[in-house]
Amino acid sequence: MADKFKVKKGDRVIVLSGKDKGKTGEILKMIKEDQRAIVQGVNMVKRHTAPSQAGAGGIVEKEAAIHVSNLSHIDPKDSNATRVGYKTLEDGRKVRYAKRSGEVIDI
C-alpha cells in the first residue's frame, strides 16, 4: 500500500477516466487506506436517507470516492493535466512541481 501520494487535500485535479472524464475539482478528502480521494462535484451519487434529529430524510446527492490513479494534477499555467515531480529549492524546502510547465505547485 502506498503511504505517499502525489495529490493531497486542497489540490486542483482533473479526472482521467470513467464516467466523469474531463471534470475538474478540488480534493476534499483523502482516504489513504483505499488509495481513494473525494473530489468536489465529481462522481456524484444519490443516497436515500431516513429522517433523523439532524435533518429531514430524502434523496441526498453527494460525492463518492474515486481512485487516485484516475486523477491528475491541473497545471497552474495552462489548466491541462500534468505529471508531478519533486525538487529541492535553494532554501532547502522539498516542493512539488508540474512537469509540463515547471511551475511549483506547493507554495
PDB file of N, CA and C in Angstrom:
ATOM      1  N   MET A   1       0.844  -1.183   0.000  1.00  0.00           N
ATOM      2  CA  MET A   1       0.000   0.000   0.000  1.00  0.00           C
ATOM      3  C   MET A   1       0.882   1.236   0.000  1.00  0.00           C
ATOM      4  N   ALA A   2       0.498   2.201  -0.806  1.00  0.00           N
ATOM      5  CA  ALA A   2       1.276   3.444  -0.893  1.00  0.00           C
ATOM      6  C   ALA A   2       0.997   4.312   0.320  1.00  0.00           C
ATOM      7  N   ASP A   3       2.066   4.820   0.927  1.00  0.00           N
ATOM      8  CA  ASP A   3       1.911   5.711   2.075  1.00  0.00           C
ATOM      9  C   ASP A   3       1.876   7.159   1.638  1.00  0.00           C
ATOM     10  N   LYS A   4       2.411   7.451   0.451  1.00  0.00           N
ATOM     11  CA  LYS A   4       2.515   8.829  -0.013  1.00  0.00           C
ATOM     12  C   LYS A   4       1.922   8.922  -1.415  1.00  0.00           C
ATOM     13  N   PHE A   5       1.160   9.979  -1.627  1.00  0.00           N
ATOM     14  CA  PHE A   5       0.553  10.206  -2.928  1.00  0.00           C
ATOM     15  C   PHE A   5       1.025  11.542  -3.479  1.00  0.00           C
ATOM     16  N   LYS A   6       0.955  11.695  -4.790  1.00  0.00           N
ATOM     17  CA  LYS A   6       1.357  12.954  -5.415  1.00  0.00           C
ATOM     18  C   LYS A   6       0.250  14.003  -5.323  1.00  0.00           C
ATOM     19  N   VAL A   7      -0.953  13.588  -4.946  1.00  0.00           N
ATOM     20  CA  VAL A   7      -2.054  14.530  -4.741  1.00  0.00           C
ATOM     21  C   VAL A   7      -2.400  14.568  -3.260  1.00  0.00           C
ATOM     22  N   LYS A   8      -2.909  15.709  -2.807  1.00  0.00           N
ATOM     23  CA  LYS A   8      -3.318  15.820  -1.416  1.00  0.00           C
ATOM     24  C   LYS A   8      -4.507  16.765  -1.306  1.00  0.00           C
ATOM     25  N   LYS A   9      -5.067  16.846  -0.123  1.00  0.00           N
ATOM     26  CA  LYS A   9      -6.250  17.657   0.119  1.00  0.00           C
ATOM     27  C   LYS A   9      -5.996  19.108  -0.305  1.00  0.00           C
ATOM     28  N   GLY A  10      -6.955  19.672  -1.041  1.00  0.00           N
ATOM     29  CA  GLY A  10      -6.846  21.051  -1.482  1.00  0.00           C
ATOM     30  C   GLY A  10      -6.293  21.214  -2.889  1.00  0.00           C
ATOM     31  N   ASP A  11      -5.760  20.140  -3.492  1.00  0.00           N
ATOM     32  CA  ASP A  11      -5.207  20.221  -4.848  1.00  0.00           C
ATOM     33  C   ASP A  11      -6.324  20.274  -5.885  1.00  0.00           C
ATOM     34  N   ARG A  12      -6.075  20.999  -6.984  1.00  0.00           N
ATOM     35  CA  ARG A  12      -6.989  21.027  -8.122  1.00  0.00           C
ATOM     36  C   ARG A  12      -6.590  19.885  -9.054  1.00  0.00           C
ATOM     37  N   VAL A  13      -7.553  18.990  -9.347  1.00  0.00           N
ATOM     38  CA  VAL A  13      -7.268  17.813 -10.164  1.00  0.00           C
ATOM     39  C   VAL A  13      -8.276  17.694 -11.303  1.00  0.00           C
ATOM     40  N   ILE A  14      -7.910  16.867 -12.298  1.00  0.00           N
ATOM     41  CA  ILE A  14      -8.791  16.542 -13.413  1.00  0.00           C
ATOM     42  C   ILE A  14      -8.946  15.029 -13.443  1.00  0.00           C
ATOM     43  N   VAL A  15     -10.147  14.556 -13.803  1.00  0.00           N
ATOM     44  CA  VAL A  15     -10.425  13.123 -13.870  1.00  0.00           C
ATOM     45  C   VAL A  15      -9.984  12.604 -15.232  1.00  0.00           C
ATOM     46  N   LEU A  16      -9.187  11.525 -15.236  1.00  0.00           N
ATOM     47  CA  LEU A  16      -8.616  10.980 -16.464  1.00  0.00           C
ATOM     48  C   LEU A  16      -9.476   9.902 -17.109  1.00  0.00           C
ATOM     49  N   SER A  17     -10.266   9.170 -16.311  1.00  0.00           N
ATOM     50  CA  SER A  17     -11.069   8.094 -16.891  1.00  0.00           C
ATOM     51  C   SER A  17     -12.325   7.876 -16.064  1.00  0.00           C
ATOM     52  N   GLY A  18     -13.293   7.208 -16.693  1.00  0.00           N
ATOM     53  CA  GLY A  18     -14.546   6.918 -16.015  1.00  0.00           C
ATOM     54  C   GLY A  18     -15.668   7.806 -16.515  1.00  0.00           C
ATOM     55  N   LYS A  19     -16.806   7.742 -15.849  1.00  0.00           N
ATOM     56  CA  LYS A  19     -17.988   8.482 -16.311  1.00  0.00           C
ATOM     57  C   LYS A  19     -17.810   9.990 -16.192  1.00  0.00           C
ATOM     58  N   ASP A  20     -16.918  10.446 -15.335  1.00  0.00           N
ATOM     59  CA  ASP A  20     -16.699  11.876 -15.132  1.00  0.00           C
ATOM     60  C   ASP A  20     -15.403  12.362 -15.792  1.00  0.00           C
ATOM     61  N   LYS A  21     -14.944  11.662 -16.825  1.00  0.00           N
ATOM     62  CA  LYS A  21     -13.703  12.022 -17.502  1.00  0.00           C
ATOM     63  C   LYS A  21     -13.748  13.474 -17.976  1.00  0.00           C
ATOM     64  N   GLY A  22     -12.679  14.213 -17.654  1.00  0.00           N
ATOM     65  CA  GLY A  22     -12.583  15.605 -18.078  1.00  0.00           C
ATOM     66  C   GLY A  22     -13.067  16.604 -17.046  1.00  0.00           C
ATOM     67  N   LYS A  23     -13.796  16.149 -16.036  1.00  0.00           N
ATOM     68  CA  LYS A  23     -14.271  17.065 -14.998  1.00  0.00           C
ATOM     69  C   LYS A  23     -13.122  17.447 -14.075  1.00  0.00           C
ATOM     70  N   THR A  24     -13.203  18.655 -13.543  1.00  0.00           N
ATOM     71  CA  THR A  24     -12.178  19.125 -12.623  1.00  0.00           C
ATOM     72  C   THR A  24     -12.804  19.457 -11.287  1.00  0.00           C
ATOM     73  N   GLY A  25     -11.994  19.464 -10.250  1.00  0.00           N
ATOM     74  CA  GLY A  25     -12.471  19.802  -8.922  1.00  0.00           C
ATOM     75  C   GLY A  25     -11.331  19.820  -7.931  1.00  0.00           C
ATOM     76  N   GLU A  26     -11.676  20.175  -6.707  1.00  0.00           N
ATOM     77  CA  GLU A  26     -10.701  20.244  -5.627  1.00  0.00           C
ATOM     78  C   GLU A  26     -10.862  19.020  -4.745  1.00  0.00           C
ATOM     79  N   ILE A  27      -9.749  18.472  -4.279  1.00  0.00           N
ATOM     80  CA  ILE A  27      -9.804  17.306  -3.405  1.00  0.00           C
ATOM     81  C   ILE A  27     -10.282  17.752  -2.025  1.00  0.00           C
ATOM     82  N   LEU A  28     -11.383  17.138  -1.576  1.00  0.00           N
ATOM     83  CA  LEU A  28     -11.954  17.471  -0.273  1.00  0.00           C
ATOM     84  C   LEU A  28     -11.395  16.578   0.831  1.00  0.00           C
ATOM     85  N   LYS A  29     -11.116  15.310   0.476  1.00  0.00           N
ATOM     86  CA  LYS A  29     -10.671  14.345   1.488  1.00  0.00           C
ATOM     87  C   LYS A  29      -9.871  13.237   0.818  1.00  0.00           C
ATOM     88  N   MET A  30      -8.826  12.795   1.493  1.00  0.00           N
ATOM     89  CA  MET A  30      -8.037  11.658   1.024  1.00  0.00           C
ATOM     90  C   MET A  30      -8.337  10.453   1.914  1.00  0.00           C
ATOM     91  N   ILE A  31      -8.516   9.283   1.298  1.00  0.00           N
ATOM     92  CA  ILE A  31      -8.725   8.033   2.029  1.00  0.00           C
ATOM     93  C   ILE A  31      -7.531   7.147   1.706  1.00  0.00           C
ATOM     94  N   LYS A  32      -6.482   7.250   2.527  1.00  0.00           N
ATOM     95  CA  LYS A  32      -5.209   6.586   2.227  1.00  0.00           C
ATOM     96  C   LYS A  32      -5.314   5.072   2.212  1.00  0.00           C
ATOM     97  N   GLU A  33      -6.136   4.501   3.102  1.00  0.00           N
ATOM     98  CA  GLU A  33      -6.227   3.040   3.196  1.00  0.00           C
ATOM     99  C   GLU A  33      -6.700   2.423   1.888  1.00  0.00           C
ATOM    100  N   ASP A  34      -7.627   3.102   1.202  1.00  0.00           N
ATOM    101  CA  ASP A  34      -8.189   2.574  -0.038  1.00  0.00           C
ATOM    102  C   ASP A  34      -7.589   3.217  -1.286  1.00  0.00           C
ATOM    103  N   GLN A  35      -6.625   4.118  -1.119  1.00  0.00           N
ATOM    104  CA  GLN A  35      -5.992   4.856  -2.212  1.00  0.00           C
ATOM    105  C   GLN A  35      -7.037   5.603  -3.036  1.00  0.00           C
ATOM    106  N   ARG A  36      -7.941   6.282  -2.330  1.00  0.00           N
ATOM    107  CA  ARG A  36      -9.030   7.000  -2.984  1.00  0.00           C
ATOM    108  C   ARG A  36      -9.097   8.434  -2.500  1.00  0.00           C
ATOM    109  N   ALA A  37      -9.803   9.266  -3.269  1.00  0.00           N
ATOM    110  CA  ALA A  37      -9.992  10.666  -2.912  1.00  0.00           C
ATOM    111  C   ALA A  37     -11.433  11.061  -3.195  1.00  0.00           C
ATOM    112  N   ILE A  38     -11.927  12.031  -2.433  1.00  0.00           N
ATOM    113  CA  ILE A  38     -13.237  12.606  -2.700  1.00  0.00           C
ATOM    114  C   ILE A  38     -13.000  13.968  -3.320  1.00  0.00           C
ATOM    115  N   VAL A  39     -13.520  14.146  -4.548  1.00  0.00           N
ATOM    116  CA  VAL A  39     -13.294  15.365  -5.318  1.00  0.00           C
ATOM    117  C   VAL A  39     -14.609  16.122  -5.436  1.00  0.00           C
ATOM    118  N   GLN A  40     -14.545  17.423  -5.221  1.00  0.00           N
ATOM    119  CA  GLN A  40     -15.727  18.268  -5.230  1.00  0.00           C
ATOM    120  C   GLN A  40     -16.422  18.239  -6.593  1.00  0.00           C
ATOM    121  N   GLY A  41     -17.712  17.848  -6.604  1.00  0.00           N
ATOM    122  CA  GLY A  41     -18.521  17.847  -7.820  1.00  0.00           C
ATOM    123  C   GLY A  41     -18.256  16.700  -8.780  1.00  0.00           C
ATOM    124  N   VAL A  42     -17.472  15.711  -8.378  1.00  0.00           N
ATOM    125  CA  VAL A  42     -17.123  14.590  -9.244  1.00  0.00           C
ATOM    126  C   VAL A  42     -17.627  13.286  -8.629  1.00  0.00           C
ATOM    127  N   ASN A  43     -18.093  12.364  -9.482  1.00  0.00           N
ATOM    128  CA  ASN A  43     -18.581  11.051  -9.053  1.00  0.00           C
ATOM    129  C   ASN A  43     -19.752  11.198  -8.080  1.00  0.00           C
ATOM    130  N   MET A  44     -20.748  11.979  -8.483  1.00  0.00           N
ATOM    131  CA  MET A  44     -21.916  12.231  -7.639  1.00  0.00           C
ATOM    132  C   MET A  44     -22.814  10.990  -7.602  1.00  0.00           C
ATOM    133  N   VAL A  45     -23.266  10.637  -6.396  1.00  0.00           N
ATOM    134  CA  VAL A  45     -24.173   9.515  -6.199  1.00  0.00           C
ATOM    135  C   VAL A  45     -25.348   9.975  -5.348  1.00  0.00           C
ATOM    136  N   LYS A  46     -26.470   9.230  -5.447  1.00  0.00           N
ATOM    137  CA  LYS A  46     -27.656   9.566  -4.664  1.00  0.00           C
ATOM    138  C   LYS A  46     -27.777   8.586  -3.498  1.00  0.00           C
ATOM    139  N   ARG A  47     -28.005   9.118  -2.305  1.00  0.00           N
ATOM    140  CA  ARG A  47     -28.190   8.303  -1.108  1.00  0.00           C
ATOM    141  C   ARG A  47     -29.588   8.557  -0.567  1.00  0.00           C
ATOM    142  N   HIS A  48     -30.325   7.482  -0.306  1.00  0.00           N
ATOM    143  CA  HIS A  48     -31.648   7.610   0.283  1.00  0.00           C
ATOM    144  C   HIS A  48     -31.478   7.550   1.799  1.00  0.00           C
ATOM    145  N   THR A  49     -31.778   8.659   2.477  1.00  0.00           N
ATOM    146  CA  THR A  49     -31.551   8.733   3.916  1.00  0.00           C
ATOM    147  C   THR A  49     -32.878   8.834   4.658  1.00  0.00           C
ATOM    148  N   ALA A  50     -32.928   8.216   5.810  1.00  0.00           N
ATOM    149  CA  ALA A  50     -34.112   8.263   6.672  1.00  0.00           C
ATOM    150  C   ALA A  50     -34.080   9.544   7.497  1.00  0.00           C
ATOM    151  N   PRO A  51     -35.229  10.053   7.881  1.00  0.00           N
ATOM    152  CA  PRO A  51     -35.240  11.262   8.717  1.00  0.00           C
ATOM    153  C   PRO A  51     -34.599  10.996  10.075  1.00  0.00           C
ATOM    154  N   SER A  52     -33.919  12.010  10.598  1.00  0.00           N
ATOM    155  CA  SER A  52     -33.302  11.894  11.915  1.00  0.00           C
ATOM    156  C   SER A  52     -33.376  13.251  12.593  1.00  0.00           C
ATOM    157  N   GLN A  53     -32.869  13.339  13.816  1.00  0.00           N
ATOM    158  CA  GLN A  53     -32.872  14.611  14.532  1.00  0.00           C
ATOM    159  C   GLN A  53     -31.961  15.626  13.846  1.00  0.00           C
ATOM    160  N   ALA A  54     -30.945  15.134  13.154  1.00  0.00           N
ATOM    161  CA  ALA A  54     -30.001  16.029  12.490  1.00  0.00           C
ATOM    162  C   ALA A  54     -30.625  16.715  11.278  1.00  0.00           C
ATOM    163  N   GLY A  55     -31.546  16.052  10.597  1.00  0.00           N
ATOM    164  CA  GLY A  55     -32.140  16.648   9.417  1.00  0.00           C
ATOM    165  C   GLY A  55     -33.244  15.795   8.832  1.00  0.00           C
ATOM    166  N   ALA A  56     -33.930  16.369   7.862  1.00  0.00           N
ATOM    167  CA  ALA A  56     -35.011  15.641   7.199  1.00  0.00           C
ATOM    168  C   ALA A  56     -34.434  14.569   6.286  1.00  0.00           C
ATOM    169  N   GLY A  57     -35.206  13.541   6.053  1.00  0.00           N
ATOM    170  CA  GLY A  57     -34.768  12.475   5.172  1.00  0.00           C
ATOM    171  C   GLY A  57     -35.000  12.851   3.725  1.00  0.00           C
ATOM    172  N   GLY A  58     -34.720  11.911   2.843  1.00  0.00           N
ATOM    173  CA  GLY A  58     -34.932  12.147   1.428  1.00  0.00           C
ATOM    174  C   GLY A  58     -33.753  11.654   0.618  1.00  0.00           C
ATOM    175  N   ILE A  59     -33.715  12.086  -0.626  1.00  0.00           N
ATOM    176  CA  ILE A  59     -32.631  11.682  -1.517  1.00  0.00           C
ATOM    177  C   ILE A  59     -31.561  12.768  -1.484  1.00  0.00           C
ATOM    178  N   VAL A  60     -30.382  12.392  -1.021  1.00  0.00           N
ATOM    179  CA  VAL A  60     -29.271  13.336  -0.890  1.00  0.00           C
ATOM    180  C   VAL A  60     -28.227  12.992  -1.942  1.00  0.00           C
ATOM    181  N   GLU A  61     -27.768  14.004  -2.672  1.00  0.00           N
ATOM    182  CA  GLU A  61     -26.726  13.782  -3.670  1.00  0.00           C
ATOM    183  C   GLU A  61     -25.394  14.239  -3.084  1.00  0.00           C
ATOM    184  N   LYS A  62     -24.383  13.353  -3.140  1.00  0.00           N
ATOM    185  CA  LYS A  62     -23.076  13.699  -2.592  1.00  0.00           C
ATOM    186  C   LYS A  62     -21.973  13.033  -3.404  1.00  0.00           C
ATOM    187  N   GLU A  63     -20.734  13.440  -3.130  1.00  0.00           N
ATOM    188  CA  GLU A  63     -19.591  12.902  -3.853  1.00  0.00           C
ATOM    189  C   GLU A  63     -19.188  11.546  -3.290  1.00  0.00           C
ATOM    190  N   ALA A  64     -18.865  10.625  -4.195  1.00  0.00           N
ATOM    191  CA  ALA A  64     -18.315   9.337  -3.794  1.00  0.00           C
ATOM    192  C   ALA A  64     -16.819   9.345  -4.075  1.00  0.00           C
ATOM    193  N   ALA A  65     -16.099   8.401  -3.464  1.00  0.00           N
ATOM    194  CA  ALA A  65     -14.644   8.338  -3.619  1.00  0.00           C
ATOM    195  C   ALA A  65     -14.273   7.865  -5.020  1.00  0.00           C
ATOM    196  N   ILE A  66     -13.128   8.345  -5.500  1.00  0.00           N
ATOM    197  CA  ILE A  66     -12.592   7.956  -6.799  1.00  0.00           C
ATOM    198  C   ILE A  66     -11.121   7.573  -6.601  1.00  0.00           C
ATOM    199  N   HIS A  67     -10.666   6.558  -7.316  1.00  0.00           N
ATOM    200  CA  HIS A  67      -9.301   6.073  -7.137  1.00  0.00           C
ATOM    201  C   HIS A  67      -8.299   7.112  -7.619  1.00  0.00           C
ATOM    202  N   VAL A  68      -7.183   7.257  -6.888  1.00  0.00           N
ATOM    203  CA  VAL A  68      -6.198   8.297  -7.221  1.00  0.00           C
ATOM    204  C   VAL A  68      -5.516   8.059  -8.565  1.00  0.00           C
ATOM    205  N   SER A  69      -5.533   6.829  -9.073  1.00  0.00           N
ATOM    206  CA  SER A  69      -4.935   6.563 -10.383  1.00  0.00           C
ATOM    207  C   SER A  69      -5.739   7.204 -11.501  1.00  0.00           C
ATOM    208  N   ASN A  70      -6.973   7.567 -11.235  1.00  0.00           N
ATOM    209  CA  ASN A  70      -7.824   8.209 -12.232  1.00  0.00           C
ATOM    210  C   ASN A  70      -7.769   9.729 -12.152  1.00  0.00           C
ATOM    211  N   LEU A  71      -6.888  10.265 -11.316  1.00  0.00           N
ATOM    212  CA  LEU A  71      -6.775  11.708 -11.135  1.00  0.00           C
ATOM    213  C   LEU A  71      -5.408  12.192 -11.592  1.00  0.00           C
ATOM    214  N   SER A  72      -5.363  13.443 -12.048  1.00  0.00           N
ATOM    215  CA  SER A  72      -4.099  14.075 -12.406  1.00  0.00           C
ATOM    216  C   SER A  72      -4.161  15.534 -12.002  1.00  0.00           C
ATOM    217  N   HIS A  73      -3.011  16.072 -11.642  1.00  0.00           N
ATOM    218  CA  HIS A  73      -2.928  17.489 -11.277  1.00  0.00           C
ATOM    219  C   HIS A  73      -3.292  18.363 -12.459  1.00  0.00           C
ATOM    220  N   ILE A  74      -3.778  19.562 -12.159  1.00  0.00           N
ATOM    221  CA  ILE A  74      -4.003  20.569 -13.184  1.00  0.00           C
ATOM    222  C   ILE A  74      -2.814  21.524 -13.157  1.00  0.00           C
ATOM    223  N   ASP A  75      -2.220  21.726 -14.334  1.00  0.00           N
ATOM    224  CA  ASP A  75      -1.078  22.641 -14.441  1.00  0.00           C
ATOM    225  C   ASP A  75      -1.529  24.063 -14.109  1.00  0.00           C
ATOM    226  N   PRO A  76      -0.861  24.731 -13.162  1.00  0.00           N
ATOM    227  CA  PRO A  76      -1.271  26.085 -12.791  1.00  0.00           C
ATOM    228  C   PRO A  76      -1.144  27.099 -13.932  1.00  0.00           C
ATOM    229  N   LYS A  77      -0.313  26.796 -14.934  1.00  0.00           N
ATOM    230  CA  LYS A  77      -0.069  27.746 -16.019  1.00  0.00           C
ATOM    231  C   LYS A  77      -1.127  27.674 -17.118  1.00  0.00           C
ATOM    232  N   ASP A  78      -1.445  26.452 -17.601  1.00  0.00           N
ATOM    233  CA  ASP A  78      -2.365  26.353 -18.740  1.00  0.00           C
ATOM    234  C   ASP A  78      -3.584  25.456 -18.501  1.00  0.00           C
ATOM    235  N   SER A  79      -3.831  25.035 -17.286  1.00  0.00           N
ATOM    236  CA  SER A  79      -5.034  24.276 -16.900  1.00  0.00           C
ATOM    237  C   SER A  79      -5.199  22.951 -17.636  1.00  0.00           C
ATOM    238  N   ASN A  80      -4.112  22.292 -17.991  1.00  0.00           N
ATOM    239  CA  ASN A  80      -4.153  20.953 -18.566  1.00  0.00           C
ATOM    240  C   ASN A  80      -3.599  19.950 -17.555  1.00  0.00           C
ATOM    241  N   ALA A  81      -3.835  18.663 -17.807  1.00  0.00           N
ATOM    242  CA  ALA A  81      -3.324  17.626 -16.924  1.00  0.00           C
ATOM    243  C   ALA A  81      -1.804  17.597 -16.997  1.00  0.00           C
ATOM    244  N   THR A  82      -1.167  17.367 -15.853  1.00  0.00           N
ATOM    245  CA  THR A  82       0.285  17.308 -15.809  1.00  0.00           C
ATOM    246  C   THR A  82       0.736  16.253 -14.812  1.00  0.00           C
ATOM    247  N   ARG A  83       1.946  15.754 -15.026  1.00  0.00           N
ATOM    248  CA  ARG A  83       2.554  14.869 -14.041  1.00  0.00           C
ATOM    249  C   ARG A  83       3.240  15.728 -12.990  1.00  0.00           C
ATOM    250  N   VAL A  84       3.575  15.102 -11.879  1.00  0.00           N
ATOM    251  CA  VAL A  84       4.149  15.839 -10.749  1.00  0.00           C
ATOM    252  C   VAL A  84       5.543  15.309 -10.461  1.00  0.00           C
ATOM    253  N   GLY A  85       6.457  16.232 -10.225  1.00  0.00           N
ATOM    254  CA  GLY A  85       7.810  15.870  -9.825  1.00  0.00           C
ATOM    255  C   GLY A  85       8.154  16.574  -8.528  1.00  0.00           C
ATOM    256  N   TYR A  86       9.289  16.219  -7.969  1.00  0.00           N
ATOM    257  CA  TYR A  86       9.759  16.830  -6.724  1.00  0.00           C
ATOM    258  C   TYR A  86      11.121  17.465  -6.970  1.00  0.00           C
ATOM    259  N   LYS A  87      11.336  18.616  -6.366  1.00  0.00           N
ATOM    260  CA  LYS A  87      12.659  19.227  -6.418  1.00  0.00           C
ATOM    261  C   LYS A  87      12.897  19.997  -5.128  1.00  0.00           C
ATOM    262  N   THR A  88      14.166  20.253  -4.850  1.00  0.00           N
ATOM    263  CA  THR A  88      14.545  20.982  -3.650  1.00  0.00           C
ATOM    264  C   THR A  88      14.916  22.407  -4.029  1.00  0.00           C
ATOM    265  N   LEU A  89      14.333  23.370  -3.338  1.00  0.00           N
ATOM    266  CA  LEU A  89      14.617  24.778  -3.603  1.00  0.00           C
ATOM    267  C   LEU A  89      15.921  25.186  -2.939  1.00  0.00           C
ATOM    268  N   GLU A  90      16.360  26.423  -3.218  1.00  0.00           N
ATOM    269  CA  GLU A  90      17.624  26.920  -2.657  1.00  0.00           C
ATOM    270  C   GLU A  90      17.583  26.973  -1.135  1.00  0.00           C
ATOM    271  N   ASP A  91      16.394  27.255  -0.574  1.00  0.00           N
ATOM    272  CA  ASP A  91      16.291  27.350   0.888  1.00  0.00           C
ATOM    273  C   ASP A  91      16.161  25.982   1.562  1.00  0.00           C
ATOM    274  N   GLY A  92      16.214  24.898   0.792  1.00  0.00           N
ATOM    275  CA  GLY A  92      16.200  23.555   1.359  1.00  0.00           C
ATOM    276  C   GLY A  92      14.833  22.904   1.416  1.00  0.00           C
ATOM    277  N   ARG A  93      13.780  23.610   0.992  1.00  0.00           N
ATOM    278  CA  ARG A  93      12.440  23.022   1.024  1.00  0.00           C
ATOM    279  C   ARG A  93      12.247  22.077  -0.153  1.00  0.00           C
ATOM    280  N   LYS A  94      11.588  20.936   0.100  1.00  0.00           N
ATOM    281  CA  LYS A  94      11.239  19.991  -0.956  1.00  0.00           C
ATOM    282  C   LYS A  94       9.818  20.328  -1.403  1.00  0.00           C
ATOM    283  N   VAL A  95       9.644  20.615  -2.683  1.00  0.00           N
ATOM    284  CA  VAL A  95       8.337  21.035  -3.201  1.00  0.00           C
ATOM    285  C   VAL A  95       7.944  20.180  -4.401  1.00  0.00           C
ATOM    286  N   ARG A  96       6.645  20.166  -4.691  1.00  0.00           N
ATOM    287  CA  ARG A  96       6.132  19.508  -5.885  1.00  0.00           C
ATOM    288  C   ARG A  96       6.079  20.536  -7.010  1.00  0.00           C
ATOM    289  N   TYR A  97       6.340  20.069  -8.228  1.00  0.00           N
ATOM    290  CA  TYR A  97       6.239  20.973  -9.371  1.00  0.00           C
ATOM    291  C   TYR A  97       5.574  20.252 -10.540  1.00  0.00           C
ATOM    292  N   ALA A  98       4.957  21.031 -11.434  1.00  0.00           N
ATOM    293  CA  ALA A  98       4.301  20.492 -12.620  1.00  0.00           C
ATOM    294  C   ALA A  98       5.354  20.224 -13.685  1.00  0.00           C
ATOM    295  N   LYS A  99       5.454  18.994 -14.146  1.00  0.00           N
ATOM    296  CA  LYS A  99       6.464  18.651 -15.143  1.00  0.00           C
ATOM    297  C   LYS A  99       6.162  19.284 -16.496  1.00  0.00           C
ATOM    298  N   ARG A 100       4.899  19.603 -16.753  1.00  0.00           N
ATOM    299  CA  ARG A 100       4.504  20.194 -18.033  1.00  0.00           C
ATOM    300  C   ARG A 100       5.076  21.600 -18.212  1.00  0.00           C
ATOM    301  N   SER A 101       4.989  22.428 -17.156  1.00  0.00           N
ATOM    302  CA  SER A 101       5.415  23.817 -17.281  1.00  0.00           C
ATOM    303  C   SER A 101       6.586  24.184 -16.372  1.00  0.00           C
ATOM    304  N   GLY A 102       6.866  23.357 -15.373  1.00  0.00           N
ATOM    305  CA  GLY A 102       7.930  23.666 -14.426  1.00  0.00           C
ATOM    306  C   GLY A 102       7.471  24.526 -13.258  1.00  0.00           C
ATOM    307  N   GLU A 103       6.180  24.898 -13.225  1.00  0.00           N
ATOM    308  CA  GLU A 103       5.632  25.713 -12.148  1.00  0.00           C
ATOM    309  C   GLU A 103       5.615  24.936 -10.839  1.00  0.00           C
ATOM    310  N   VAL A 104       5.922  25.611  -9.730  1.00  0.00           N
ATOM    311  CA  VAL A 104       5.864  24.985  -8.413  1.00  0.00           C
ATOM    312  C   VAL A 104       4.413  24.919  -7.964  1.00  0.00           C
ATOM    313  N   ILE A 105       3.972  23.744  -7.503  1.00  0.00           N
ATOM    314  CA  ILE A 105       2.594  23.541  -7.060  1.00  0.00           C
ATOM    315  C   ILE A 105       2.440  23.961  -5.618  1.00  0.00           C
ATOM    316  N   ASP A 106       3.386  23.557  -4.768  1.00  0.00           N
ATOM    317  CA  ASP A 106       3.350  23.928  -3.348  1.00  0.00           C
ATOM    318  C   ASP A 106       3.813  25.355  -3.190  1.00  0.00           C
ATOM    319  N   ILE A 107       3.142  26.069  -2.296  1.00  0.00           N
ATOM    320  CA  ILE A 107       3.507  27.469  -2.080  1.00  0.00           C
ATOM    321  C   ILE A 107       4.181  27.640  -0.735  1.00  0.00           C
TER     322      ILE A 107
END
